[in-house]
Amino acid sequence: MIDIFIDDKKISAEENQTILQVAKANGIKIPHLCFHPALKPSGSCKLCGVEVSSPAGKHVVMLSCIIKVKEKLEIRTNSELVKTTRTKAFNKLLQMAPDSLRIRNLAKEFDVAVIPPPDGCIRCRLCIRVCNEIIKAKALKMVKTENGSMVVPEPGRCNGCGTCANLCPTKIIKVVDLDNVRTVSIKKETIGQLPLERCEGCGTMYATINFIKHVEETTHTHPDTKEHHHLCSSCIKLMSNRAATERERIKK
């Protein structure tokens, strides 16, 4: 048996044991993912780094699953040097597996700040631009948060047109019509929730009352604007086809 020190605690260990084996046997937690007792250590995940003193007296981080203990070896499992190296290792793994809950939960257990999980938004700003420039509702904006820039709603400004969802390249913006109400949301945050209007032709609920009002207000001065009818796109197409057929009949 030999004596080593882990976080200033004197511990007896067997020769040929690794630092990780000794730590696990003594209830000292060191993060790791690629280690398995039935297999030869590979050090692939790089999470189990600990600080040790080199023969020259320099403090370095080495992988505890590979390094074997030596007499009077001094080890630190949570020094600033270890924390820096550990954070880099966690974030490198998350670049390859950003949705891994196991990696994120392990990082949280060891109080490691890691890159935020992907949310499906690529920050292209198409939704914001079309809402501001074309629809002119200004219902979305980009704000800076501790997790980076985020698209967020402006409360009470959405008219439920759904144009943002149609343009969203990753389809993270959703439009759901349920119980005569349209809900527009980005991720789990509601952009707008508005009542739907019934089509005068077929009776289906096809657009929000707010959006229909918006269209009427923005087109009423157009010289080609005719009497407004509340019709869904299918009924408008059907009526257009009938009108075209009637014109052809008259010509003949």
Protein backbone atom coordinates (compact mmCIF):
# COMPACT_ATOMS: atom_id res chain seq x y z
CA MET A 1 0.00 0.00 0.00
CA ILE A 2 1.09 3.58 -0.65
CA ASP A 3 -0.13 6.92 0.61
CA ILE A 4 -1.40 9.68 -1.69
CA PHE A 5 -3.21 12.96 -1.13
CA ILE A 6 -6.45 13.89 -2.88
CA ASP A 7 -7.67 17.41 -2.13
CA ASP A 8 -5.37 17.48 0.94
CA LYS A 9 -6.89 14.25 2.24
CA LYS A 10 -4.44 11.39 2.96
CA ILE A 11 -5.61 8.19 1.32
CA SER A 12 -4.14 4.68 1.20
CA ALA A 13 -4.04 3.13 -2.25
CA GLU A 14 -2.83 -0.01 -3.92
CA GLU A 15 0.02 0.16 -6.38
CA ASN A 16 -1.00 -0.01 -10.07
CA GLN A 17 -4.35 1.56 -9.30
CA THR A 18 -5.30 4.61 -11.34
CA ILE A 19 -6.23 7.90 -9.70
CA LEU A 20 -9.82 7.45 -10.86
CA GLN A 21 -10.05 3.98 -9.32
CA VAL A 22 -8.76 5.25 -5.99
CA ALA A 23 -11.10 8.25 -6.07
CA LYS A 24 -14.14 6.07 -6.83
CA ALA A 25 -13.20 3.66 -4.04
CA ASN A 26 -13.10 6.55 -1.58
CA GLY A 27 -16.28 8.30 -2.68
CA ILE A 28 -14.49 11.18 -4.39
CA LYS A 29 -16.37 12.25 -7.51
CA ILE A 30 -14.55 12.89 -10.77
CA PRO A 31 -16.61 13.26 -13.96
CA HIS A 32 -16.08 10.65 -16.65
CA LEU A 33 -17.98 9.11 -19.56
CA CYS A 34 -15.65 6.81 -21.50
CA PHE A 35 -14.30 4.79 -18.56
CA HIS A 36 -15.51 1.23 -17.92
CA PRO A 37 -13.85 -1.12 -15.40
CA ALA A 38 -13.96 -4.05 -17.84
CA LEU A 39 -12.03 -2.18 -20.53
CA LYS A 40 -8.59 -0.63 -20.86
CA PRO A 41 -8.80 3.15 -20.28
CA SER A 42 -8.70 5.29 -23.42
CA GLY A 43 -9.06 8.84 -22.09
CA SER A 44 -11.36 9.74 -24.99
CA CYS A 45 -13.82 12.03 -23.22
CA LYS A 46 -11.12 14.07 -21.41
CA LEU A 47 -13.52 14.82 -18.54
CA CYS A 48 -11.59 13.08 -15.77
CA GLY A 49 -8.62 15.43 -15.72
CA VAL A 50 -7.10 16.22 -12.32
CA GLU A 51 -4.22 18.45 -11.28
CA VAL A 52 -0.96 16.72 -10.28
CA SER A 53 2.63 17.85 -9.78
CA SER A 54 5.13 16.83 -12.44
CA PRO A 55 8.63 15.63 -11.49
CA ALA A 56 9.84 19.16 -12.26
CA GLY A 57 7.33 20.57 -9.77
CA LYS A 58 5.03 22.02 -12.42
CA HIS A 59 1.29 21.64 -11.89
CA VAL A 60 -0.40 20.00 -14.86
CA VAL A 61 -3.77 18.40 -15.64
CA MET A 62 -3.64 14.69 -16.43
CA LEU A 63 -6.35 12.11 -17.07
CA SER A 64 -7.19 10.27 -13.87
CA CYS A 65 -8.44 7.18 -15.71
CA ILE A 66 -4.94 6.57 -17.13
CA ILE A 67 -2.41 7.91 -14.58
CA LYS A 68 -1.42 5.43 -11.88
CA VAL A 69 -0.81 6.49 -8.32
CA LYS A 70 2.62 6.95 -6.84
CA GLU A 71 3.85 7.38 -3.28
CA LYS A 72 3.08 10.85 -1.84
CA LEU A 73 1.33 11.94 -5.06
CA GLU A 74 -0.68 15.11 -4.52
CA ILE A 75 -3.89 15.43 -6.51
CA ARG A 76 -6.49 18.18 -6.80
CA THR A 77 -9.85 17.39 -8.35
CA ASN A 78 -11.44 20.85 -8.38
CA SER A 79 -8.70 23.46 -8.77
CA GLU A 80 -9.06 26.44 -11.11
CA LEU A 81 -6.79 24.69 -13.61
CA VAL A 82 -8.99 21.59 -13.48
CA LYS A 83 -12.17 23.66 -13.87
CA THR A 84 -10.82 25.40 -16.98
CA THR A 85 -9.74 22.14 -18.60
CA ARG A 86 -12.99 20.42 -17.60
CA THR A 87 -15.13 23.18 -19.11
CA LYS A 88 -13.27 22.89 -22.43
CA ALA A 89 -13.74 19.11 -22.41
CA PHE A 90 -17.49 19.34 -21.72
CA ASN A 91 -18.02 21.93 -24.45
CA LYS A 92 -16.03 19.91 -26.97
CA LEU A 93 -18.28 16.91 -26.30
CA LEU A 94 -21.39 19.08 -26.63
CA GLN A 95 -20.22 20.33 -30.02
CA MET A 96 -20.51 16.71 -31.17
CA ALA A 97 -23.62 15.84 -29.16
CA PRO A 98 -25.43 19.12 -28.32
CA ASP A 99 -28.70 17.37 -27.39
CA SER A 100 -27.13 14.92 -24.93
CA LEU A 101 -28.93 15.26 -21.61
CA ARG A 102 -26.42 12.94 -19.95
CA ILE A 103 -23.53 15.27 -20.75
CA ARG A 104 -25.50 18.36 -19.72
CA ASN A 105 -26.68 16.78 -16.46
CA LEU A 106 -23.13 15.68 -15.64
CA ALA A 107 -21.86 19.21 -16.31
CA LYS A 108 -24.56 20.58 -14.02
CA GLU A 109 -23.61 18.11 -11.29
CA PHE A 110 -20.04 19.44 -11.36
CA ASP A 111 -21.12 23.08 -11.71
CA VAL A 112 -19.61 23.47 -15.17
CA ALA A 113 -20.95 26.25 -17.39
CA VAL A 114 -21.47 24.87 -20.90
CA ILE A 115 -22.78 26.11 -24.23
CA PRO A 116 -26.59 26.45 -24.26
CA PRO A 117 -28.63 23.65 -25.86
CA PRO A 118 -29.75 24.21 -29.46
CA ASP A 119 -33.21 25.76 -29.75
CA GLY A 120 -33.80 25.36 -33.47
CA CYS A 121 -33.43 29.07 -34.24
CA ILE A 122 -30.58 30.10 -36.56
CA ARG A 123 -31.03 33.85 -35.90
CA CYS A 124 -31.66 34.61 -39.58
CA ARG A 125 -34.18 37.32 -38.58
CA LEU A 126 -36.54 36.47 -41.45
CA CYS A 127 -39.47 36.35 -39.04
CA ILE A 128 -38.62 39.75 -37.57
CA ARG A 129 -38.05 41.36 -40.96
CA VAL A 130 -41.28 40.13 -42.57
CA CYS A 131 -43.29 41.11 -39.50
CA ASN A 132 -41.74 44.58 -39.44
CA GLU A 133 -41.41 45.36 -43.15
CA ILE A 134 -44.34 43.56 -44.79
CA ILE A 135 -46.98 42.84 -42.14
CA LYS A 136 -45.93 45.89 -40.10
CA ALA A 137 -47.17 44.34 -36.86
CA LYS A 138 -43.71 44.50 -35.20
CA ALA A 139 -44.62 41.49 -33.08
CA LEU A 140 -41.09 40.05 -32.88
CA LYS A 141 -37.70 41.41 -31.89
CA MET A 142 -34.16 40.22 -31.18
CA VAL A 143 -32.83 40.69 -27.65
CA LYS A 144 -29.55 39.82 -25.97
CA THR A 145 -29.71 37.36 -23.08
CA GLU A 146 -27.15 35.48 -21.00
CA ASN A 147 -27.49 32.63 -23.52
CA GLY A 148 -26.96 34.86 -26.56
CA SER A 149 -29.34 36.68 -28.90
CA MET A 150 -32.92 35.40 -28.88
CA VAL A 151 -36.08 36.08 -30.92
CA VAL A 152 -38.85 37.09 -28.50
CA PRO A 153 -42.43 38.37 -28.94
CA GLU A 154 -43.69 41.88 -28.33
CA PRO A 155 -46.82 41.26 -26.22
CA GLY A 156 -50.12 42.22 -27.83
CA ARG A 157 -48.76 43.03 -31.30
CA CYS A 158 -49.24 39.71 -33.18
CA ASN A 159 -52.26 39.62 -35.52
CA GLY A 160 -52.01 35.88 -36.13
CA CYS A 161 -51.23 36.01 -39.84
CA GLY A 162 -48.72 33.14 -39.57
CA THR A 163 -46.31 34.65 -42.11
CA CYS A 164 -43.38 34.28 -39.70
CA ALA A 165 -44.05 30.53 -39.45
CA ASN A 166 -44.30 30.19 -43.23
CA LEU A 167 -40.91 31.86 -43.71
CA CYS A 168 -39.06 30.24 -40.78
CA PRO A 169 -36.41 27.99 -42.44
CA THR A 170 -36.14 25.64 -39.46
CA LYS A 171 -39.89 25.60 -38.69
CA ILE A 172 -39.30 26.48 -35.05
CA ILE A 173 -42.25 28.91 -35.22
CA LYS A 174 -45.55 27.04 -35.02
CA VAL A 175 -49.16 27.94 -35.87
CA VAL A 176 -51.87 25.82 -34.25
CA ASP A 177 -55.61 26.33 -34.81
CA LEU A 178 -57.68 24.75 -32.03
CA ASP A 179 -61.16 25.47 -30.68
CA ASN A 180 -61.59 28.50 -32.98
CA VAL A 181 -58.39 30.06 -31.66
CA ARG A 182 -55.04 30.43 -33.45
CA THR A 183 -51.87 30.19 -31.37
CA VAL A 184 -48.57 31.35 -32.85
CA SER A 185 -45.52 30.35 -30.82
CA ILE A 186 -41.74 30.22 -31.01
CA LYS A 187 -40.28 27.30 -29.09
CA LYS A 188 -42.47 27.24 -25.97
CA GLU A 189 -43.24 30.97 -25.87
CA THR A 190 -46.53 32.32 -27.20
CA ILE A 191 -46.25 35.10 -29.79
CA GLY A 192 -49.99 35.56 -30.20
CA GLN A 193 -53.28 33.85 -29.38
CA LEU A 194 -56.28 35.16 -31.34
CA PRO A 195 -59.85 34.16 -32.32
CA LEU A 196 -60.49 32.87 -35.86
CA GLU A 197 -63.02 34.14 -38.44
CA ARG A 198 -65.41 31.78 -40.23
CA CYS A 199 -65.40 31.58 -44.05
CA GLU A 200 -68.67 32.88 -45.51
CA GLY A 201 -68.49 30.21 -48.21
CA CYS A 202 -67.64 26.86 -46.63
CA GLY A 203 -67.83 27.72 -42.94
CA THR A 204 -64.26 26.76 -42.03
CA MET A 205 -62.26 28.86 -39.56
CA TYR A 206 -59.57 30.25 -41.83
CA ALA A 207 -57.91 33.44 -40.49
CA THR A 208 -57.81 35.56 -37.37
CA ILE A 209 -60.22 38.45 -36.99
CA ASN A 210 -57.27 40.74 -36.26
CA PHE A 211 -55.49 39.83 -39.48
CA ILE A 212 -58.61 40.28 -41.62
CA LYS A 213 -59.12 43.70 -40.06
CA HIS A 214 -55.45 44.50 -40.72
CA VAL A 215 -55.83 43.58 -44.42
CA GLU A 216 -58.99 45.66 -44.76
CA GLU A 217 -57.34 48.69 -43.16
CA THR A 218 -54.21 48.50 -45.30
CA THR A 219 -55.98 47.91 -48.63
CA HIS A 220 -59.08 50.11 -48.40
CA THR A 221 -57.45 52.97 -50.35
CA HIS A 222 -56.28 50.74 -53.21
CA PRO A 223 -58.12 51.64 -56.46
CA ASP A 224 -58.82 47.98 -57.29
CA THR A 225 -60.24 47.10 -53.88
CA LYS A 226 -63.77 45.67 -54.11
CA GLU A 227 -66.29 44.86 -51.43
CA HIS A 228 -64.71 42.74 -48.75
CA HIS A 229 -65.85 39.14 -48.39
CA HIS A 230 -64.63 36.84 -45.65
CA LEU A 231 -63.63 33.84 -47.75
CA CYS A 232 -60.93 31.23 -47.29
CA SER A 233 -58.36 30.65 -50.04
CA SER A 234 -60.17 27.51 -51.28
CA CYS A 235 -63.45 29.37 -51.74
CA ILE A 236 -61.71 32.31 -53.42
CA LYS A 237 -60.06 29.93 -55.86
CA LEU A 238 -63.37 28.17 -56.50
CA MET A 239 -65.15 31.47 -57.18
CA SER A 240 -62.30 32.64 -59.44
CA ASN A 241 -62.50 29.42 -61.46
CA ARG A 242 -66.28 29.82 -61.81
CA ALA A 243 -65.86 33.43 -62.92
CA ALA A 244 -63.26 32.43 -65.50
CA THR A 245 -65.53 29.67 -66.83
CA GLU A 246 -68.44 32.11 -67.11
CA ARG A 247 -66.30 34.60 -69.04
CA GLU A 248 -65.28 31.89 -71.48
CA ARG A 249 -68.92 30.87 -71.94
CA ILE A 250 -69.96 34.44 -72.70
CA LYS A 251 -67.17 34.84 -75.28
CA LYS A 252 -68.43 31.80 -77.14
